[in-house]
Amino acid sequence: MAGIVHDAVTLAPLPAPGVRPYDLVHVHVADPRIRWTLANFTVHRLEGVTAVSLLDLVAMAKEDLQLEAAGGPAMTAT
């Protein structure tokens, strides 16, 4: 992902390592800084995804919690 990384405490944008202070920083999805990175790309098209309503997401989360509480495997995205 590319964007501007922000300080976790002050929420201020951090300077990029490049010449310009607000250049985009490429942050890997496993990098802990990703939580504090404001992405700077626009998604124009999604392919191979299924639309899910908020109510469906809540129901899936409840089912997942019930499975975990019963000692079963949690649902995984495929």
Protein backbone atom coordinates (compact mmCIF):
# COMPACT_ATOMS: atom_id res chain seq x y z
CA MET A 1 0.00 0.00 0.00
CA ALA A 2 1.20 3.52 -0.58
CA GLY A 3 0.19 6.53 1.44
CA ILE A 4 1.19 8.92 4.19
CA VAL A 5 2.18 7.31 7.49
CA HIS A 6 0.93 9.06 10.64
CA ASP A 7 2.36 9.08 14.15
CA ALA A 8 0.41 6.66 16.38
CA VAL A 9 0.45 9.08 19.33
CA THR A 10 0.09 12.55 17.83
CA LEU A 11 -1.69 11.44 14.61
CA ALA A 12 0.47 13.95 12.74
CA PRO A 13 1.79 12.92 9.33
CA LEU A 14 5.35 11.60 9.49
CA PRO A 15 7.91 12.91 7.03
CA ALA A 16 8.64 10.55 4.15
CA PRO A 17 12.19 9.32 3.65
CA GLY A 18 12.27 11.00 0.21
CA VAL A 19 13.11 14.55 -0.76
CA ARG A 20 9.60 15.92 -0.40
CA PRO A 21 8.11 15.69 3.12
CA TYR A 22 4.76 14.22 2.06
CA ASP A 23 5.85 11.74 -0.61
CA LEU A 24 3.96 8.48 -0.54
CA VAL A 25 5.52 5.72 1.55
CA HIS A 26 5.13 2.11 0.40
CA VAL A 27 4.07 0.02 3.41
CA HIS A 28 3.79 -3.78 3.26
CA VAL A 29 0.57 -5.30 4.62
CA ALA A 30 2.56 -7.09 7.37
CA ASP A 31 4.22 -3.82 8.47
CA PRO A 32 2.76 -2.53 11.77
CA ARG A 33 2.79 1.00 10.31
CA ILE A 34 -0.04 0.02 7.97
CA ARG A 35 -2.56 0.81 10.73
CA TRP A 36 -1.37 4.41 10.66
CA THR A 37 -1.09 4.84 6.89
CA LEU A 38 -3.67 6.85 5.02
CA ALA A 39 -3.89 5.19 1.62
CA ASN A 40 -3.64 7.34 -1.43
CA PHE A 41 -5.04 5.16 -4.19
CA THR A 42 -8.55 5.10 -5.60
CA VAL A 43 -10.16 1.76 -6.39
CA HIS A 44 -11.89 2.00 -9.75
CA ARG A 45 -13.01 -1.60 -10.12
CA LEU A 46 -13.23 -4.73 -7.98
CA GLU A 47 -13.26 -8.18 -9.55
CA GLY A 48 -13.91 -11.56 -7.97
CA VAL A 49 -15.58 -10.18 -4.85
CA THR A 50 -19.03 -10.74 -3.39
CA ALA A 51 -21.04 -7.87 -1.98
CA VAL A 52 -22.12 -8.50 1.62
CA SER A 53 -24.53 -6.43 3.66
CA LEU A 54 -23.62 -5.07 7.06
CA LEU A 55 -26.27 -7.31 8.64
CA ASP A 56 -24.68 -10.36 6.99
CA LEU A 57 -21.26 -9.34 8.33
CA VAL A 58 -22.66 -9.02 11.86
CA ALA A 59 -24.29 -12.46 11.58
CA MET A 60 -21.04 -14.01 10.31
CA ALA A 61 -19.08 -12.42 13.15
CA LYS A 62 -21.54 -13.79 15.74
CA GLU A 63 -21.32 -17.25 14.19
CA ASP A 64 -17.53 -17.04 14.21
CA LEU A 65 -17.51 -16.10 17.91
CA GLN A 66 -19.87 -18.98 18.73
CA LEU A 67 -17.63 -21.45 16.88
CA GLU A 68 -14.55 -20.16 18.69
CA ALA A 69 -16.32 -20.36 22.07
CA ALA A 70 -17.30 -23.96 21.33
CA GLY A 71 -13.69 -24.81 20.52
CA GLY A 72 -14.27 -25.16 16.79
CA PRO A 73 -12.33 -23.49 14.03
CA ALA A 74 -13.13 -19.90 13.18
CA MET A 75 -14.56 -19.12 9.78
CA THR A 76 -11.93 -18.09 7.27
CA ALA A 77 -12.24 -15.94 4.19
CA THR A 78 -11.71 -17.77 0.93
